[in-house]
Amino acid sequence: MDVVTQWVRTSWTKRSRGGPAATVRNAVPVGFTVPVRNGPVLHEVLMDEAHDFEPHASFREGRPERDDVLLLYRFSSRLGEWTCRLDTLNVAYGPATADVFTGDPTRHVDERGLLR
């Protein structure tokens, strides 16, 4: 089975917490067109405050699976400087088109926590 994985990371600081910068941040997509490749691919898209939330993409070919079992990972970071990051992991298991992540997802899991 083909596996297509897209990891979208958006990061910001207090400067984008409210006002016009927050409006721009909140409008960024959580799914992008995937580069056409043969076989499995990991497509990473980074957007951050320092680059005005413009997407910067890269990809790696390879299989994020073992023995026909799909492996998903959780990511965490150390506490430190006041920074937020929204990570979206889009996964397609099976035949997929380049626009597989640009529409509504078939399944959605939201693991965001409340900020205090």
PDB file of N, CA and C in Angstrom:
ATOM      1  N   MET A   1       0.831  -1.186   0.000  1.00  0.00           N
ATOM      2  CA  MET A   1       0.000   0.000   0.000  1.00  0.00           C
ATOM      3  C   MET A   1       0.871   1.244   0.000  1.00  0.00           C
ATOM      4  N   ASP A   2       0.452   2.248  -0.741  1.00  0.00           N
ATOM      5  CA  ASP A   2       1.146   3.531  -0.713  1.00  0.00           C
ATOM      6  C   ASP A   2       0.718   4.334   0.505  1.00  0.00           C
ATOM      7  N   VAL A   3       1.678   5.040   1.069  1.00  0.00           N
ATOM      8  CA  VAL A   3       1.415   5.931   2.194  1.00  0.00           C
ATOM      9  C   VAL A   3       1.916   7.315   1.811  1.00  0.00           C
ATOM     10  N   VAL A   4       1.039   8.301   1.941  1.00  0.00           N
ATOM     11  CA  VAL A   4       1.426   9.681   1.712  1.00  0.00           C
ATOM     12  C   VAL A   4       1.204  10.413   3.024  1.00  0.00           C
ATOM     13  N   THR A   5       2.254  11.050   3.526  1.00  0.00           N
ATOM     14  CA  THR A   5       2.188  11.747   4.796  1.00  0.00           C
ATOM     15  C   THR A   5       2.575  13.201   4.580  1.00  0.00           C
ATOM     16  N   GLN A   6       1.778  14.096   5.129  1.00  0.00           N
ATOM     17  CA  GLN A   6       2.071  15.526   5.035  1.00  0.00           C
ATOM     18  C   GLN A   6       2.068  16.104   6.441  1.00  0.00           C
ATOM     19  N   TRP A   7       3.176  16.734   6.804  1.00  0.00           N
ATOM     20  CA  TRP A   7       3.321  17.327   8.123  1.00  0.00           C
ATOM     21  C   TRP A   7       3.373  18.839   7.941  1.00  0.00           C
ATOM     22  N   VAL A   8       2.333  19.524   8.409  1.00  0.00           N
ATOM     23  CA  VAL A   8       2.236  20.983   8.287  1.00  0.00           C
ATOM     24  C   VAL A   8       2.492  21.578   9.666  1.00  0.00           C
ATOM     25  N   ARG A   9       3.523  22.436   9.757  1.00  0.00           N
ATOM     26  CA  ARG A   9       3.881  23.059  11.037  1.00  0.00           C
ATOM     27  C   ARG A   9       3.785  24.570  10.907  1.00  0.00           C
ATOM     28  N   THR A  10       2.988  25.171  11.790  1.00  0.00           N
ATOM     29  CA  THR A  10       2.846  26.620  11.840  1.00  0.00           C
ATOM     30  C   THR A  10       3.298  27.072  13.224  1.00  0.00           C
ATOM     31  N   SER A  11       4.232  28.050  13.278  1.00  0.00           N
ATOM     32  CA  SER A  11       4.718  28.505  14.578  1.00  0.00           C
ATOM     33  C   SER A  11       4.673  30.025  14.658  1.00  0.00           C
ATOM     34  N   TRP A  12       4.489  30.515  15.914  1.00  0.00           N
ATOM     35  CA  TRP A  12       4.374  31.953  16.135  1.00  0.00           C
ATOM     36  C   TRP A  12       4.712  32.289  17.577  1.00  0.00           C
ATOM     37  N   THR A  13       4.891  33.583  17.831  1.00  0.00           N
ATOM     38  CA  THR A  13       5.166  34.087  19.179  1.00  0.00           C
ATOM     39  C   THR A  13       4.041  35.036  19.579  1.00  0.00           C
ATOM     40  N   LYS A  14       4.250  35.768  20.669  1.00  0.00           N
ATOM     41  CA  LYS A  14       3.232  36.705  21.149  1.00  0.00           C
ATOM     42  C   LYS A  14       2.873  37.768  20.112  1.00  0.00           C
ATOM     43  N   ARG A  15       3.811  38.086  19.220  1.00  0.00           N
ATOM     44  CA  ARG A  15       3.540  39.126  18.216  1.00  0.00           C
ATOM     45  C   ARG A  15       2.366  38.766  17.307  1.00  0.00           C
ATOM     46  N   SER A  16       2.095  37.482  17.131  1.00  0.00           N
ATOM     47  CA  SER A  16       0.991  37.051  16.265  1.00  0.00           C
ATOM     48  C   SER A  16      -0.189  36.528  17.061  1.00  0.00           C
ATOM     49  N   ARG A  17      -0.260  36.896  18.319  1.00  0.00           N
ATOM     50  CA  ARG A  17      -1.344  36.401  19.161  1.00  0.00           C
ATOM     51  C   ARG A  17      -2.668  37.093  18.876  1.00  0.00           C
ATOM     52  N   GLY A  18      -2.646  38.343  18.493  1.00  0.00           N
ATOM     53  CA  GLY A  18      -3.878  39.080  18.216  1.00  0.00           C
ATOM     54  C   GLY A  18      -3.684  40.043  17.069  1.00  0.00           C
ATOM     55  N   GLY A  19      -4.748  40.664  16.644  1.00  0.00           N
ATOM     56  CA  GLY A  19      -4.682  41.693  15.603  1.00  0.00           C
ATOM     57  C   GLY A  19      -4.454  41.147  14.211  1.00  0.00           C
ATOM     58  N   PRO A  20      -3.924  41.972  13.310  1.00  0.00           N
ATOM     59  CA  PRO A  20      -3.742  41.586  11.911  1.00  0.00           C
ATOM     60  C   PRO A  20      -2.856  40.355  11.727  1.00  0.00           C
ATOM     61  N   ALA A  21      -1.791  40.228  12.521  1.00  0.00           N
ATOM     62  CA  ALA A  21      -0.908  39.067  12.382  1.00  0.00           C
ATOM     63  C   ALA A  21      -1.638  37.771  12.725  1.00  0.00           C
ATOM     64  N   ALA A  22      -2.501  37.804  13.714  1.00  0.00           N
ATOM     65  CA  ALA A  22      -3.282  36.615  14.066  1.00  0.00           C
ATOM     66  C   ALA A  22      -4.269  36.267  12.960  1.00  0.00           C
ATOM     67  N   THR A  23      -4.812  37.276  12.289  1.00  0.00           N
ATOM     68  CA  THR A  23      -5.728  37.028  11.175  1.00  0.00           C
ATOM     69  C   THR A  23      -5.004  36.290  10.050  1.00  0.00           C
ATOM     70  N   VAL A  24      -3.787  36.723   9.746  1.00  0.00           N
ATOM     71  CA  VAL A  24      -2.985  36.036   8.722  1.00  0.00           C
ATOM     72  C   VAL A  24      -2.684  34.616   9.167  1.00  0.00           C
ATOM     73  N   ARG A  25      -2.247  34.443  10.405  1.00  0.00           N
ATOM     74  CA  ARG A  25      -1.906  33.108  10.930  1.00  0.00           C
ATOM     75  C   ARG A  25      -3.103  32.169  10.884  1.00  0.00           C
ATOM     76  N   ASN A  26      -4.244  32.645  11.296  1.00  0.00           N
ATOM     77  CA  ASN A  26      -5.437  31.801  11.334  1.00  0.00           C
ATOM     78  C   ASN A  26      -5.958  31.427   9.948  1.00  0.00           C
ATOM     79  N   ALA A  27      -5.522  32.138   8.919  1.00  0.00           N
ATOM     80  CA  ALA A  27      -5.997  31.864   7.558  1.00  0.00           C
ATOM     81  C   ALA A  27      -5.127  30.861   6.807  1.00  0.00           C
ATOM     82  N   VAL A  28      -3.994  30.450   7.377  1.00  0.00           N
ATOM     83  CA  VAL A  28      -3.133  29.523   6.646  1.00  0.00           C
ATOM     84  C   VAL A  28      -3.792  28.148   6.559  1.00  0.00           C
ATOM     85  N   PRO A  29      -3.618  27.452   5.440  1.00  0.00           N
ATOM     86  CA  PRO A  29      -4.232  26.130   5.294  1.00  0.00           C
ATOM     87  C   PRO A  29      -3.520  25.077   6.141  1.00  0.00           C
ATOM     88  N   VAL A  30      -4.203  23.979   6.395  1.00  0.00           N
ATOM     89  CA  VAL A  30      -3.605  22.847   7.107  1.00  0.00           C
ATOM     90  C   VAL A  30      -3.408  21.658   6.169  1.00  0.00           C
ATOM     91  N   GLY A  31      -3.632  21.868   4.883  1.00  0.00           N
ATOM     92  CA  GLY A  31      -3.401  20.837   3.879  1.00  0.00           C
ATOM     93  C   GLY A  31      -2.964  21.470   2.572  1.00  0.00           C
ATOM     94  N   PHE A  32      -2.006  20.844   1.894  1.00  0.00           N
ATOM     95  CA  PHE A  32      -1.450  21.358   0.659  1.00  0.00           C
ATOM     96  C   PHE A  32      -1.413  20.258  -0.395  1.00  0.00           C
ATOM     97  N   THR A  33      -1.246  20.671  -1.645  1.00  0.00           N
ATOM     98  CA  THR A  33      -1.059  19.716  -2.727  1.00  0.00           C
ATOM     99  C   THR A  33       0.261  18.990  -2.500  1.00  0.00           C
ATOM    100  N   VAL A  34       0.258  17.686  -2.721  1.00  0.00           N
ATOM    101  CA  VAL A  34       1.429  16.850  -2.502  1.00  0.00           C
ATOM    102  C   VAL A  34       2.217  16.730  -3.812  1.00  0.00           C
ATOM    103  N   PRO A  35       3.556  16.850  -3.770  1.00  0.00           N
ATOM    104  CA  PRO A  35       4.345  16.660  -4.984  1.00  0.00           C
ATOM    105  C   PRO A  35       4.114  15.267  -5.565  1.00  0.00           C
ATOM    106  N   VAL A  36       4.017  15.183  -6.872  1.00  0.00           N
ATOM    107  CA  VAL A  36       3.794  13.892  -7.529  1.00  0.00           C
ATOM    108  C   VAL A  36       5.097  13.105  -7.493  1.00  0.00           C
ATOM    109  N   ARG A  37       5.060  11.943  -6.894  1.00  0.00           N
ATOM    110  CA  ARG A  37       6.222  11.058  -6.769  1.00  0.00           C
ATOM    111  C   ARG A  37       5.765   9.630  -6.945  1.00  0.00           C
ATOM    112  N   ASN A  38       6.699   8.764  -7.268  1.00  0.00           N
ATOM    113  CA  ASN A  38       6.415   7.332  -7.298  1.00  0.00           C
ATOM    114  C   ASN A  38       6.699   6.762  -5.926  1.00  0.00           C
ATOM    115  N   GLY A  39       5.729   6.104  -5.348  1.00  0.00           N
ATOM    116  CA  GLY A  39       5.914   5.490  -4.042  1.00  0.00           C
ATOM    117  C   GLY A  39       5.603   6.428  -2.901  1.00  0.00           C
ATOM    118  N   PRO A  40       5.866   5.973  -1.670  1.00  0.00           N
ATOM    119  CA  PRO A  40       5.556   6.738  -0.461  1.00  0.00           C
ATOM    120  C   PRO A  40       6.365   8.023  -0.376  1.00  0.00           C
ATOM    121  N   VAL A  41       5.784   9.030   0.261  1.00  0.00           N
ATOM    122  CA  VAL A  41       6.457  10.319   0.389  1.00  0.00           C
ATOM    123  C   VAL A  41       6.079  10.969   1.712  1.00  0.00           C
ATOM    124  N   LEU A  42       7.024  11.710   2.302  1.00  0.00           N
ATOM    125  CA  LEU A  42       6.753  12.575   3.442  1.00  0.00           C
ATOM    126  C   LEU A  42       6.922  13.995   2.934  1.00  0.00           C
ATOM    127  N   HIS A  43       5.848  14.754   2.967  1.00  0.00           N
ATOM    128  CA  HIS A  43       5.842  16.135   2.490  1.00  0.00           C
ATOM    129  C   HIS A  43       5.741  17.027   3.715  1.00  0.00           C
ATOM    130  N   GLU A  44       6.750  17.873   3.939  1.00  0.00           N
ATOM    131  CA  GLU A  44       6.757  18.778   5.083  1.00  0.00           C
ATOM    132  C   GLU A  44       6.536  20.201   4.603  1.00  0.00           C
ATOM    133  N   VAL A  45       5.634  20.918   5.290  1.00  0.00           N
ATOM    134  CA  VAL A  45       5.366  22.314   4.974  1.00  0.00           C
ATOM    135  C   VAL A  45       5.526  23.111   6.263  1.00  0.00           C
ATOM    136  N   LEU A  46       6.445  24.090   6.238  1.00  0.00           N
ATOM    137  CA  LEU A  46       6.709  24.931   7.401  1.00  0.00           C
ATOM    138  C   LEU A  46       6.210  26.343   7.124  1.00  0.00           C
ATOM    139  N   MET A  47       5.545  26.929   8.111  1.00  0.00           N
ATOM    140  CA  MET A  47       5.106  28.324   8.035  1.00  0.00           C
ATOM    141  C   MET A  47       5.380  28.943   9.396  1.00  0.00           C
ATOM    142  N   ASP A  48       5.969  30.139   9.392  1.00  0.00           N
ATOM    143  CA  ASP A  48       6.243  30.782  10.671  1.00  0.00           C
ATOM    144  C   ASP A  48       6.105  32.293  10.569  1.00  0.00           C
ATOM    145  N   GLU A  49       6.021  32.867  11.728  1.00  0.00           N
ATOM    146  CA  GLU A  49       5.844  34.312  11.867  1.00  0.00           C
ATOM    147  C   GLU A  49       6.985  35.090  11.202  1.00  0.00           C
ATOM    148  N   ALA A  50       8.221  34.603  11.345  1.00  0.00           N
ATOM    149  CA  ALA A  50       9.386  35.309  10.808  1.00  0.00           C
ATOM    150  C   ALA A  50       9.341  35.434   9.284  1.00  0.00           C
ATOM    151  N   HIS A  51       8.618  34.531   8.622  1.00  0.00           N
ATOM    152  CA  HIS A  51       8.505  34.555   7.161  1.00  0.00           C
ATOM    153  C   HIS A  51       7.081  34.881   6.711  1.00  0.00           C
ATOM    154  N   ASP A  52       6.355  35.627   7.542  1.00  0.00           N
ATOM    155  CA  ASP A  52       4.989  36.067   7.227  1.00  0.00           C
ATOM    156  C   ASP A  52       4.061  34.915   6.864  1.00  0.00           C
ATOM    157  N   PHE A  53       4.292  33.749   7.465  1.00  0.00           N
ATOM    158  CA  PHE A  53       3.456  32.559   7.286  1.00  0.00           C
ATOM    159  C   PHE A  53       3.386  32.081   5.836  1.00  0.00           C
ATOM    160  N   GLU A  54       4.428  32.360   5.068  1.00  0.00           N
ATOM    161  CA  GLU A  54       4.521  31.823   3.703  1.00  0.00           C
ATOM    162  C   GLU A  54       4.972  30.366   3.800  1.00  0.00           C
ATOM    163  N   PRO A  55       4.342  29.452   3.060  1.00  0.00           N
ATOM    164  CA  PRO A  55       4.722  28.047   3.141  1.00  0.00           C
ATOM    165  C   PRO A  55       6.079  27.764   2.491  1.00  0.00           C
ATOM    166  N   HIS A  56       6.875  26.969   3.183  1.00  0.00           N
ATOM    167  CA  HIS A  56       8.159  26.484   2.677  1.00  0.00           C
ATOM    168  C   HIS A  56       8.093  24.962   2.750  1.00  0.00           C
ATOM    169  N   ALA A  57       8.159  24.305   1.595  1.00  0.00           N
ATOM    170  CA  ALA A  57       7.930  22.865   1.537  1.00  0.00           C
ATOM    171  C   ALA A  57       9.194  22.091   1.188  1.00  0.00           C
ATOM    172  N   SER A  58       9.243  20.857   1.676  1.00  0.00           N
ATOM    173  CA  SER A  58      10.284  19.901   1.309  1.00  0.00           C
ATOM    174  C   SER A  58       9.637  18.523   1.308  1.00  0.00           C
ATOM    175  N   PHE A  59      10.324  17.550   0.744  1.00  0.00           N
ATOM    176  CA  PHE A  59       9.778  16.197   0.755  1.00  0.00           C
ATOM    177  C   PHE A  59      10.902  15.181   0.849  1.00  0.00           C
ATOM    178  N   ARG A  60      10.523  14.010   1.355  1.00  0.00           N
ATOM    179  CA  ARG A  60      11.426  12.865   1.417  1.00  0.00           C
ATOM    180  C   ARG A  60      10.662  11.640   0.951  1.00  0.00           C
ATOM    181  N   GLU A  61      11.310  10.840   0.169  1.00  0.00           N
ATOM    182  CA  GLU A  61      10.688   9.585  -0.239  1.00  0.00           C
ATOM    183  C   GLU A  61      11.060   8.519   0.778  1.00  0.00           C
ATOM    184  N   GLY A  62      10.181   7.573   0.982  1.00  0.00           N
ATOM    185  CA  GLY A  62      10.432   6.502   1.927  1.00  0.00           C
ATOM    186  C   GLY A  62       9.141   6.031   2.550  1.00  0.00           C
ATOM    187  N   ARG A  63       9.222   4.968   3.304  1.00  0.00           N
ATOM    188  CA  ARG A  63       8.036   4.352   3.886  1.00  0.00           C
ATOM    189  C   ARG A  63       7.951   4.607   5.388  1.00  0.00           C
ATOM    190  N   PRO A  64       6.887   5.278   5.872  1.00  0.00           N
ATOM    191  CA  PRO A  64       6.678   5.405   7.316  1.00  0.00           C
ATOM    192  C   PRO A  64       5.857   4.239   7.842  1.00  0.00           C
ATOM    193  N   GLU A  65       6.182   3.035   7.401  1.00  0.00           N
ATOM    194  CA  GLU A  65       5.416   1.855   7.801  1.00  0.00           C
ATOM    195  C   GLU A  65       6.355   0.675   7.949  1.00  0.00           C
ATOM    196  N   ARG A  66       5.883  -0.368   8.626  1.00  0.00           N
ATOM    197  CA  ARG A  66       6.663  -1.590   8.806  1.00  0.00           C
ATOM    198  C   ARG A  66       5.688  -2.753   8.827  1.00  0.00           C
ATOM    199  N   ASP A  67       5.929  -3.750   8.013  1.00  0.00           N
ATOM    200  CA  ASP A  67       5.098  -4.950   7.965  1.00  0.00           C
ATOM    201  C   ASP A  67       3.618  -4.631   7.787  1.00  0.00           C
ATOM    202  N   ASP A  68       3.304  -3.734   6.844  1.00  0.00           N
ATOM    203  CA  ASP A  68       1.931  -3.354   6.532  1.00  0.00           C
ATOM    204  C   ASP A  68       1.189  -2.706   7.696  1.00  0.00           C
ATOM    205  N   VAL A  69       1.908  -2.193   8.689  1.00  0.00           N
ATOM    206  CA  VAL A  69       1.298  -1.473   9.801  1.00  0.00           C
ATOM    207  C   VAL A  69       1.743  -0.022   9.695  1.00  0.00           C
ATOM    208  N   LEU A  70       0.797   0.888   9.669  1.00  0.00           N
ATOM    209  CA  LEU A  70       1.111   2.306   9.565  1.00  0.00           C
ATOM    210  C   LEU A  70       1.523   2.827  10.936  1.00  0.00           C
ATOM    211  N   LEU A  71       2.673   3.516  11.005  1.00  0.00           N
ATOM    212  CA  LEU A  71       3.167   4.067  12.261  1.00  0.00           C
ATOM    213  C   LEU A  71       2.966   5.577  12.270  1.00  0.00           C
ATOM    214  N   LEU A  72       2.332   6.103  13.311  1.00  0.00           N
ATOM    215  CA  LEU A  72       2.152   7.537  13.500  1.00  0.00           C
ATOM    216  C   LEU A  72       2.864   7.939  14.778  1.00  0.00           C
ATOM    217  N   TYR A  73       3.419   9.134  14.792  1.00  0.00           N
ATOM    218  CA  TYR A  73       4.192   9.598  15.935  1.00  0.00           C
ATOM    219  C   TYR A  73       3.612  10.875  16.486  1.00  0.00           C
ATOM    220  N   ARG A  74       3.770  11.068  17.784  1.00  0.00           N
ATOM    221  CA  ARG A  74       3.422  12.329  18.432  1.00  0.00           C
ATOM    222  C   ARG A  74       4.693  13.136  18.594  1.00  0.00           C
ATOM    223  N   PHE A  75       4.533  14.456  18.553  1.00  0.00           N
ATOM    224  CA  PHE A  75       5.676  15.343  18.672  1.00  0.00           C
ATOM    225  C   PHE A  75       5.460  16.257  19.866  1.00  0.00           C
ATOM    226  N   SER A  76       6.515  16.525  20.574  1.00  0.00           N
ATOM    227  CA  SER A  76       6.422  17.462  21.689  1.00  0.00           C
ATOM    228  C   SER A  76       7.679  18.317  21.706  1.00  0.00           C
ATOM    229  N   SER A  77       7.632  19.395  22.459  1.00  0.00           N
ATOM    230  CA  SER A  77       8.785  20.276  22.560  1.00  0.00           C
ATOM    231  C   SER A  77       9.014  20.652  24.012  1.00  0.00           C
ATOM    232  N   ARG A  78      10.211  21.137  24.293  1.00  0.00           N
ATOM    233  CA  ARG A  78      10.519  21.593  25.647  1.00  0.00           C
ATOM    234  C   ARG A  78       9.844  22.930  25.907  1.00  0.00           C
ATOM    235  N   LEU A  79       9.515  23.175  27.159  1.00  0.00           N
ATOM    236  CA  LEU A  79       8.989  24.485  27.539  1.00  0.00           C
ATOM    237  C   LEU A  79      10.146  25.466  27.579  1.00  0.00           C
ATOM    238  N   GLY A  80       9.899  26.644  27.170  1.00  0.00           N
ATOM    239  CA  GLY A  80      10.956  27.647  27.168  1.00  0.00           C
ATOM    240  C   GLY A  80      10.369  28.977  26.791  1.00  0.00           C
ATOM    241  N   GLU A  81      10.952  29.609  25.793  1.00  0.00           N
ATOM    242  CA  GLU A  81      10.450  30.887  25.306  1.00  0.00           C
ATOM    243  C   GLU A  81       8.999  30.725  24.883  1.00  0.00           C
ATOM    244  N   TRP A  82       8.217  31.793  25.078  1.00  0.00           N
ATOM    245  CA  TRP A  82       6.787  31.775  24.757  1.00  0.00           C
ATOM    246  C   TRP A  82       6.615  31.634  23.257  1.00  0.00           C
ATOM    247  N   THR A  83       6.366  30.424  22.818  1.00  0.00           N
ATOM    248  CA  THR A  83       6.180  30.114  21.402  1.00  0.00           C
ATOM    249  C   THR A  83       5.060  29.100  21.285  1.00  0.00           C
ATOM    250  N   CYS A  84       4.254  29.252  20.257  1.00  0.00           N
ATOM    251  CA  CYS A  84       3.211  28.273  19.974  1.00  0.00           C
ATOM    252  C   CYS A  84       3.493  27.610  18.640  1.00  0.00           C
ATOM    253  N   ARG A  85       3.041  26.381  18.500  1.00  0.00           N
ATOM    254  CA  ARG A  85       3.194  25.678  17.238  1.00  0.00           C
ATOM    255  C   ARG A  85       1.974  24.786  17.037  1.00  0.00           C
ATOM    256  N   LEU A  86       1.407  24.880  15.858  1.00  0.00           N
ATOM    257  CA  LEU A  86       0.299  24.014  15.477  1.00  0.00           C
ATOM    258  C   LEU A  86       0.840  23.010  14.466  1.00  0.00           C
ATOM    259  N   ASP A  87       0.791  21.728  14.816  1.00  0.00           N
ATOM    260  CA  ASP A  87       1.233  20.663  13.928  1.00  0.00           C
ATOM    261  C   ASP A  87       0.002  19.933  13.398  1.00  0.00           C
ATOM    262  N   THR A  88      -0.054  19.774  12.090  1.00  0.00           N
ATOM    263  CA  THR A  88      -1.122  18.997  11.463  1.00  0.00           C
ATOM    264  C   THR A  88      -0.463  17.866  10.702  1.00  0.00           C
ATOM    265  N   LEU A  89      -0.857  16.638  10.992  1.00  0.00           N
ATOM    266  CA  LEU A  89      -0.334  15.472  10.299  1.00  0.00           C
ATOM    267  C   LEU A  89      -1.450  14.905   9.427  1.00  0.00           C
ATOM    268  N   ASN A  90      -1.271  15.020   8.118  1.00  0.00           N
ATOM    269  CA  ASN A  90      -2.229  14.475   7.156  1.00  0.00           C
ATOM    270  C   ASN A  90      -1.673  13.152   6.650  1.00  0.00           C
ATOM    271  N   VAL A  91      -2.490  12.101   6.668  1.00  0.00           N
ATOM    272  CA  VAL A  91      -2.037  10.777   6.263  1.00  0.00           C
ATOM    273  C   VAL A  91      -3.050  10.163   5.304  1.00  0.00           C
ATOM    274  N   ALA A  92      -2.547   9.664   4.173  1.00  0.00           N
ATOM    275  CA  ALA A  92      -3.372   8.896   3.232  1.00  0.00           C
ATOM    276  C   ALA A  92      -2.735   7.522   3.106  1.00  0.00           C
ATOM    277  N   TYR A  93      -3.517   6.500   3.327  1.00  0.00           N
ATOM    278  CA  TYR A  93      -3.040   5.116   3.257  1.00  0.00           C
ATOM    279  C   TYR A  93      -3.780   4.450   2.118  1.00  0.00           C
ATOM    280  N   GLY A  94      -3.105   4.254   1.016  1.00  0.00           N
ATOM    281  CA  GLY A  94      -3.728   3.701  -0.183  1.00  0.00           C
ATOM    282  C   GLY A  94      -3.528   4.666  -1.339  1.00  0.00           C
ATOM    283  N   PRO A  95      -4.147   4.394  -2.471  1.00  0.00           N
ATOM    284  CA  PRO A  95      -3.981   5.272  -3.634  1.00  0.00           C
ATOM    285  C   PRO A  95      -4.444   6.695  -3.302  1.00  0.00           C
ATOM    286  N   ALA A  96      -3.632   7.684  -3.703  1.00  0.00           N
ATOM    287  CA  ALA A  96      -3.952   9.079  -3.385  1.00  0.00           C
ATOM    288  C   ALA A  96      -3.562   9.975  -4.556  1.00  0.00           C
ATOM    289  N   THR A  97      -4.359  11.013  -4.763  1.00  0.00           N
ATOM    290  CA  THR A  97      -4.059  12.009  -5.781  1.00  0.00           C
ATOM    291  C   THR A  97      -3.267  13.146  -5.153  1.00  0.00           C
ATOM    292  N   ALA A  98      -2.715  14.027  -5.980  1.00  0.00           N
ATOM    293  CA  ALA A  98      -1.904  15.142  -5.486  1.00  0.00           C
ATOM    294  C   ALA A  98      -2.695  16.080  -4.578  1.00  0.00           C
ATOM    295  N   ASP A  99      -4.017  16.162  -4.771  1.00  0.00           N
ATOM    296  CA  ASP A  99      -4.834  17.080  -3.967  1.00  0.00           C
ATOM    297  C   ASP A  99      -5.559  16.381  -2.810  1.00  0.00           C
ATOM    298  N   VAL A 100      -5.066  15.229  -2.391  1.00  0.00           N
ATOM    299  CA  VAL A 100      -5.741  14.432  -1.363  1.00  0.00           C
ATOM    300  C   VAL A 100      -5.943  15.191  -0.047  1.00  0.00           C
ATOM    301  N   PHE A 101      -5.064  16.153   0.281  1.00  0.00           N
ATOM    302  CA  PHE A 101      -5.152  16.855   1.562  1.00  0.00           C
ATOM    303  C   PHE A 101      -5.732  18.262   1.447  1.00  0.00           C
ATOM    304  N   THR A 102      -6.226  18.641   0.290  1.00  0.00           N
ATOM    305  CA  THR A 102      -6.730  20.007   0.123  1.00  0.00           C
ATOM    306  C   THR A 102      -8.226  20.138   0.388  1.00  0.00           C
ATOM    307  N   GLY A 103      -8.934  19.047   0.564  1.00  0.00           N
ATOM    308  CA  GLY A 103     -10.369  19.099   0.843  1.00  0.00           C
ATOM    309  C   GLY A 103     -10.656  18.786   2.298  1.00  0.00           C
ATOM    310  N   ASP A 104     -11.896  18.420   2.574  1.00  0.00           N
ATOM    311  CA  ASP A 104     -12.293  18.043   3.927  1.00  0.00           C
ATOM    312  C   ASP A 104     -11.758  16.656   4.259  1.00  0.00           C
ATOM    313  N   PRO A 105     -11.207  16.468   5.466  1.00  0.00           N
ATOM    314  CA  PRO A 105     -10.671  15.154   5.836  1.00  0.00           C
ATOM    315  C   PRO A 105     -11.784  14.138   6.068  1.00  0.00           C
ATOM    316  N   THR A 106     -11.468  12.864   5.839  1.00  0.00           N
ATOM    317  CA  THR A 106     -12.436  11.805   6.123  1.00  0.00           C
ATOM    318  C   THR A 106     -12.477  11.499   7.623  1.00  0.00           C
ATOM    319  N   ARG A 107     -11.391  11.787   8.320  1.00  0.00           N
ATOM    320  CA  ARG A 107     -11.320  11.598   9.764  1.00  0.00           C
ATOM    321  C   ARG A 107     -10.506  12.737  10.347  1.00  0.00           C
ATOM    322  N   HIS A 108     -10.924  13.264  11.500  1.00  0.00           N
ATOM    323  CA  HIS A 108     -10.249  14.419  12.100  1.00  0.00           C
ATOM    324  C   HIS A 108     -10.066  14.162  13.588  1.00  0.00           C
ATOM    325  N   VAL A 109      -8.840  14.274  14.068  1.00  0.00           N
ATOM    326  CA  VAL A 109      -8.528  14.133  15.487  1.00  0.00           C
ATOM    327  C   VAL A 109      -7.894  15.443  15.943  1.00  0.00           C
ATOM    328  N   ASP A 110      -8.479  16.076  16.935  1.00  0.00           N
ATOM    329  CA  ASP A 110      -7.972  17.356  17.443  1.00  0.00           C
ATOM    330  C   ASP A 110      -7.414  17.123  18.838  1.00  0.00           C
ATOM    331  N   GLU A 111      -6.082  17.259  18.984  1.00  0.00           N
ATOM    332  CA  GLU A 111      -5.428  17.048  20.272  1.00  0.00           C
ATOM    333  C   GLU A 111      -4.876  18.338  20.864  1.00  0.00           C
ATOM    334  N   ARG A 112      -5.439  19.461  20.428  1.00  0.00           N
ATOM    335  CA  ARG A 112      -4.972  20.736  20.975  1.00  0.00           C
ATOM    336  C   ARG A 112      -5.365  20.870  22.430  1.00  0.00           C
ATOM    337  N   GLY A 113      -4.515  21.533  23.187  1.00  0.00           N
ATOM    338  CA  GLY A 113      -4.795  21.808  24.597  1.00  0.00           C
ATOM    339  C   GLY A 113      -5.130  23.264  24.797  1.00  0.00           C
ATOM    340  N   LEU A 114      -5.729  23.580  25.925  1.00  0.00           N
ATOM    341  CA  LEU A 114      -6.051  24.960  26.244  1.00  0.00           C
ATOM    342  C   LEU A 114      -4.815  25.683  26.748  1.00  0.00           C
ATOM    343  N   LEU A 115      -4.620  26.899  26.264  1.00  0.00           N
ATOM    344  CA  LEU A 115      -3.534  27.734  26.749  1.00  0.00           C
ATOM    345  C   LEU A 115      -4.052  28.568  27.907  1.00  0.00           C
ATOM    346  N   ARG A 116      -3.252  28.714  28.909  1.00  0.00           N
ATOM    347  CA  ARG A 116      -3.676  29.484  30.082  1.00  0.00           C
ATOM    348  C   ARG A 116      -2.865  30.731  30.197  1.00  0.00           C
TER     349      ARG A 116
END
